[in-house]
PDB file of N, CA and C in Angstrom:
ATOM      1  N   MET A   1      -3.777   8.832   6.743  1.00  0.00           N
ATOM      2  CA  MET A   1      -3.726   7.489   7.180  1.00  0.00           C
ATOM      3  C   MET A   1      -2.549   6.292   6.325  1.00  0.00           C
ATOM      4  N   LYS A   2      -2.062   5.531   6.840  1.00  0.00           N
ATOM      5  CA  LYS A   2      -1.434   4.619   6.427  1.00  0.00           C
ATOM      6  C   LYS A   2      -1.647   3.254   6.375  1.00  0.00           C
ATOM      7  N   TYR A   3      -1.319   2.110   5.619  1.00  0.00           N
ATOM      8  CA  TYR A   3      -1.871   1.037   5.599  1.00  0.00           C
ATOM      9  C   TYR A   3      -0.629   0.241   5.784  1.00  0.00           C
ATOM     10  N   LEU A   4      -1.210  -0.979   6.561  1.00  0.00           N
ATOM     11  CA  LEU A   4      -0.178  -1.698   6.940  1.00  0.00           C
ATOM     12  C   LEU A   4      -0.330  -3.146   6.296  1.00  0.00           C
ATOM     13  N   CYS A   5       0.621  -3.969   5.595  1.00  0.00           N
ATOM     14  CA  CYS A   5       0.271  -5.431   5.272  1.00  0.00           C
ATOM     15  C   CYS A   5       0.701  -6.287   6.555  1.00  0.00           C
ATOM     16  N   ASP A   6      -0.408  -6.970   7.102  1.00  0.00           N
ATOM     17  CA  ASP A   6      -0.487  -7.751   8.479  1.00  0.00           C
ATOM     18  C   ASP A   6       0.509  -8.955   8.137  1.00  0.00           C
ATOM     19  N   LYS A   7       0.858  -9.529   7.237  1.00  0.00           N
ATOM     20  CA  LYS A   7       1.735 -10.439   6.556  1.00  0.00           C
ATOM     21  C   LYS A   7       3.326  -9.857   6.981  1.00  0.00           C
ATOM     22  N   CYS A   8       3.737  -9.096   6.786  1.00  0.00           N
ATOM     23  CA  CYS A   8       5.189  -8.443   6.718  1.00  0.00           C
ATOM     24  C   CYS A   8       5.614  -7.355   7.457  1.00  0.00           C
ATOM     25  N   GLY A   9       4.575  -6.666   7.435  1.00  0.00           N
ATOM     26  CA  GLY A   9       5.210  -5.223   8.200  1.00  0.00           C
ATOM     27  C   GLY A   9       5.088  -3.907   7.378  1.00  0.00           C
ATOM     28  N   TYR A  10       5.196  -4.065   5.900  1.00  0.00           N
ATOM     29  CA  TYR A  10       5.357  -3.235   4.793  1.00  0.00           C
ATOM     30  C   TYR A  10       3.758  -2.354   5.106  1.00  0.00           C
ATOM     31  N   ILE A  11       4.474  -0.988   5.090  1.00  0.00           N
ATOM     32  CA  ILE A  11       3.751   0.053   5.509  1.00  0.00           C
ATOM     33  C   ILE A  11       3.294   0.719   3.876  1.00  0.00           C
ATOM     34  N   TYR A  12       1.973   1.235   3.318  1.00  0.00           N
ATOM     35  CA  TYR A  12       1.946   1.846   2.064  1.00  0.00           C
ATOM     36  C   TYR A  12       1.453   3.138   3.039  1.00  0.00           C
ATOM     37  N   ASP A  13       2.230   4.334   2.411  1.00  0.00           N
ATOM     38  CA  ASP A  13       2.041   5.822   2.691  1.00  0.00           C
ATOM     39  C   ASP A  13       1.409   6.626   1.586  1.00  0.00           C
ATOM     40  N   PRO A  14       0.394   6.954   1.629  1.00  0.00           N
ATOM     41  CA  PRO A  14      -0.145   7.908   0.277  1.00  0.00           C
ATOM     42  C   PRO A  14       0.928   8.770  -0.192  1.00  0.00           C
ATOM     43  N   GLU A  15       1.749   9.473   0.888  1.00  0.00           N
ATOM     44  CA  GLU A  15       2.407  10.380   0.343  1.00  0.00           C
ATOM     45  C   GLU A  15       3.512  10.068  -0.254  1.00  0.00           C
ATOM     46  N   THR A  16       4.070   8.915   0.082  1.00  0.00           N
ATOM     47  CA  THR A  16       5.371   8.267  -0.648  1.00  0.00           C
ATOM     48  C   THR A  16       4.821   7.685  -1.711  1.00  0.00           C
ATOM     49  N   GLY A  17       3.929   6.762  -1.985  1.00  0.00           N
ATOM     50  CA  GLY A  17       3.127   6.331  -3.151  1.00  0.00           C
ATOM     51  C   GLY A  17       4.192   4.886  -3.139  1.00  0.00           C
ATOM     52  N   ASP A  18       4.453   3.808  -4.236  1.00  0.00           N
ATOM     53  CA  ASP A  18       5.083   2.995  -4.381  1.00  0.00           C
ATOM     54  C   ASP A  18       6.002   3.017  -5.377  1.00  0.00           C
ATOM     55  N   PRO A  19       7.001   3.971  -5.581  1.00  0.00           N
ATOM     56  CA  PRO A  19       7.711   3.915  -6.805  1.00  0.00           C
ATOM     57  C   PRO A  19       8.249   2.571  -7.557  1.00  0.00           C
ATOM     58  N   ASP A  20       8.625   1.831  -6.765  1.00  0.00           N
ATOM     59  CA  ASP A  20       8.983   0.639  -7.413  1.00  0.00           C
ATOM     60  C   ASP A  20       7.879  -0.093  -8.377  1.00  0.00           C
ATOM     61  N   SER A  21       6.844   0.092  -8.241  1.00  0.00           N
ATOM     62  CA  SER A  21       5.372  -0.192  -8.821  1.00  0.00           C
ATOM     63  C   SER A  21       4.844   0.730 -10.090  1.00  0.00           C
ATOM     64  N   SER A  22       5.780   1.662 -10.095  1.00  0.00           N
ATOM     65  CA  SER A  22       5.122   2.900 -10.831  1.00  0.00           C
ATOM     66  C   SER A  22       3.720   3.733 -10.262  1.00  0.00           C
ATOM     67  N   ILE A  23       3.808   4.026  -8.692  1.00  0.00           N
ATOM     68  CA  ILE A  23       2.579   4.297  -8.136  1.00  0.00           C
ATOM     69  C   ILE A  23       3.216   5.766  -7.516  1.00  0.00           C
ATOM     70  N   PRO A  24       3.066   6.845  -7.869  1.00  0.00           N
ATOM     71  CA  PRO A  24       3.332   8.044  -7.719  1.00  0.00           C
ATOM     72  C   PRO A  24       2.860   8.410  -6.289  1.00  0.00           C
ATOM     73  N   ALA A  25       3.814   9.533  -5.559  1.00  0.00           N
ATOM     74  CA  ALA A  25       3.400   9.884  -4.700  1.00  0.00           C
ATOM     75  C   ALA A  25       1.885  10.637  -4.646  1.00  0.00           C
ATOM     76  N   GLY A  26       1.014  10.928  -3.641  1.00  0.00           N
ATOM     77  CA  GLY A  26       0.018  11.237  -3.638  1.00  0.00           C
ATOM     78  C   GLY A  26      -0.815  10.454  -3.995  1.00  0.00           C
ATOM     79  N   THR A  27      -0.757   9.500  -4.182  1.00  0.00           N
ATOM     80  CA  THR A  27      -1.738   8.294  -4.528  1.00  0.00           C
ATOM     81  C   THR A  27      -2.393   7.495  -3.554  1.00  0.00           C
ATOM     82  N   ALA A  28      -3.898   8.137  -3.223  1.00  0.00           N
ATOM     83  CA  ALA A  28      -4.641   7.316  -2.156  1.00  0.00           C
ATOM     84  C   ALA A  28      -4.848   5.959  -2.075  1.00  0.00           C
ATOM     85  N   PHE A  29      -4.528   5.021  -1.329  1.00  0.00           N
ATOM     86  CA  PHE A  29      -4.885   3.513  -1.003  1.00  0.00           C
ATOM     87  C   PHE A  29      -6.179   3.314  -1.937  1.00  0.00           C
ATOM     88  N   ASN A  30      -7.076   3.977  -1.941  1.00  0.00           N
ATOM     89  CA  ASN A  30      -8.378   3.638  -2.765  1.00  0.00           C
ATOM     90  C   ASN A  30      -7.845   3.776  -4.025  1.00  0.00           C
ATOM     91  N   ASP A  31      -7.202   4.192  -4.345  1.00  0.00           N
ATOM     92  CA  ASP A  31      -7.149   4.561  -5.953  1.00  0.00           C
ATOM     93  C   ASP A  31      -5.715   3.734  -6.597  1.00  0.00           C
ATOM     94  N   LEU A  32      -5.264   2.795  -5.683  1.00  0.00           N
ATOM     95  CA  LEU A  32      -4.673   1.801  -6.091  1.00  0.00           C
ATOM     96  C   LEU A  32      -5.453   0.802  -6.873  1.00  0.00           C
ATOM     97  N   PRO A  33      -4.551   0.342  -8.361  1.00  0.00           N
ATOM     98  CA  PRO A  33      -5.335  -0.765  -9.100  1.00  0.00           C
ATOM     99  C   PRO A  33      -6.030  -2.009  -8.097  1.00  0.00           C
ATOM    100  N   ASP A  34      -7.052  -2.350  -8.544  1.00  0.00           N
ATOM    101  CA  ASP A  34      -7.545  -3.556  -7.789  1.00  0.00           C
ATOM    102  C   ASP A  34      -6.686  -4.503  -7.350  1.00  0.00           C
ATOM    103  N   ASN A  35      -5.404  -4.683  -8.283  1.00  0.00           N
ATOM    104  CA  ASN A  35      -4.682  -5.889  -8.627  1.00  0.00           C
ATOM    105  C   ASN A  35      -3.474  -6.031  -7.826  1.00  0.00           C
ATOM    106  N   TRP A  36      -3.307  -4.528  -7.633  1.00  0.00           N
ATOM    107  CA  TRP A  36      -2.069  -3.943  -6.733  1.00  0.00           C
ATOM    108  C   TRP A  36      -1.677  -5.019  -5.259  1.00  0.00           C
ATOM    109  N   GLU A  37      -0.384  -5.327  -5.236  1.00  0.00           N
ATOM    110  CA  GLU A  37      -0.270  -6.341  -4.016  1.00  0.00           C
ATOM    111  C   GLU A  37       1.091  -5.818  -3.225  1.00  0.00           C
ATOM    112  N   CYS A  38       1.202  -6.299  -1.961  1.00  0.00           N
ATOM    113  CA  CYS A  38       2.390  -5.681  -1.417  1.00  0.00           C
ATOM    114  C   CYS A  38       3.756  -5.860  -1.823  1.00  0.00           C
ATOM    115  N   PRO A  39       4.566  -4.623  -1.861  1.00  0.00           N
ATOM    116  CA  PRO A  39       5.753  -5.080  -2.801  1.00  0.00           C
ATOM    117  C   PRO A  39       6.759  -5.993  -2.336  1.00  0.00           C
ATOM    118  N   GLU A  40       6.581  -6.122  -1.301  1.00  0.00           N
ATOM    119  CA  GLU A  40       7.417  -7.225  -0.185  1.00  0.00           C
ATOM    120  C   GLU A  40       7.270  -8.531  -0.237  1.00  0.00           C
ATOM    121  N   CYS A  41       5.555  -8.527   0.256  1.00  0.00           N
ATOM    122  CA  CYS A  41       5.700 -10.251   0.181  1.00  0.00           C
ATOM    123  C   CYS A  41       4.255 -10.600  -0.948  1.00  0.00           C
ATOM    124  N   GLY A  42       3.647  -9.829  -1.649  1.00  0.00           N
ATOM    125  CA  GLY A  42       2.454  -9.864  -2.776  1.00  0.00           C
ATOM    126  C   GLY A  42       1.235 -10.031  -2.119  1.00  0.00           C
ATOM    127  N   ILE A  43       1.026  -9.744  -0.547  1.00  0.00           N
ATOM    128  CA  ILE A  43      -0.257  -9.939  -0.273  1.00  0.00           C
ATOM    129  C   ILE A  43      -1.224  -9.091  -1.029  1.00  0.00           C
ATOM    130  N   PRO A  44      -2.526  -9.239  -1.342  1.00  0.00           N
ATOM    131  CA  PRO A  44      -3.319  -8.338  -1.880  1.00  0.00           C
ATOM    132  C   PRO A  44      -3.894  -7.246  -1.235  1.00  0.00           C
ATOM    133  N   LYS A  45      -4.011  -6.118  -1.898  1.00  0.00           N
ATOM    134  CA  LYS A  45      -4.296  -4.839  -1.222  1.00  0.00           C
ATOM    135  C   LYS A  45      -5.646  -5.279  -0.250  1.00  0.00           C
ATOM    136  N   ASP A  46      -6.764  -5.840  -0.562  1.00  0.00           N
ATOM    137  CA  ASP A  46      -7.676  -5.851   0.151  1.00  0.00           C
ATOM    138  C   ASP A  46      -7.672  -6.993   1.776  1.00  0.00           C
ATOM    139  N   GLU A  47      -6.087  -6.940   1.963  1.00  0.00           N
ATOM    140  CA  GLU A  47      -5.676  -7.393   3.363  1.00  0.00           C
ATOM    141  C   GLU A  47      -4.936  -6.852   4.051  1.00  0.00           C
ATOM    142  N   PHE A  48      -4.576  -5.784   3.784  1.00  0.00           N
ATOM    143  CA  PHE A  48      -4.220  -4.180   4.582  1.00  0.00           C
ATOM    144  C   PHE A  48      -4.825  -3.909   5.477  1.00  0.00           C
ATOM    145  N   LEU A  49      -4.416  -3.507   6.376  1.00  0.00           N
ATOM    146  CA  LEU A  49      -5.073  -2.776   7.669  1.00  0.00           C
ATOM    147  C   LEU A  49      -4.758  -1.436   7.481  1.00  0.00           C
ATOM    148  N   VAL A  50      -5.952  -0.695   8.084  1.00  0.00           N
ATOM    149  CA  VAL A  50      -5.309   0.766   8.017  1.00  0.00           C
ATOM    150  C   VAL A  50      -4.721   0.853   9.891  1.00  0.00           C
ATOM    151  N   VAL A  51      -3.967   2.027   9.614  1.00  0.00           N
ATOM    152  CA  VAL A  51      -3.164   2.438  10.835  1.00  0.00           C
ATOM    153  C   VAL A  51      -3.233   3.752  10.649  1.00  0.00           C
ATOM    154  N   GLU A  52      -3.506   4.352  11.922  1.00  0.00           N
ATOM    155  CA  GLU A  52      -3.353   6.054  11.907  1.00  0.00           C
ATOM    156  C   GLU A  52      -2.262   6.863  11.966  1.00  0.00           C
ATOM    157  N   ASP A  53      -2.051   7.603  11.870  1.00  0.00           N
ATOM    158  CA  ASP A  53      -0.173   8.277  11.807  1.00  0.00           C
ATOM    159  C   ASP A  53      -0.105   8.473  12.988  1.00  0.00           C
TER     160      ASP A  53
END
């Protein structure tokens, strides 16, 4: 599964992680820190939508 920022369209892919925020590849969305935000627009993680691959 991937996770979509409904505001800007950024997609969090656990296989890629978020290297710019020191989140390594293989990090599940649920394992992201509670204060993690969209790296492009700053929307909180709890506002992301689940998208099927």
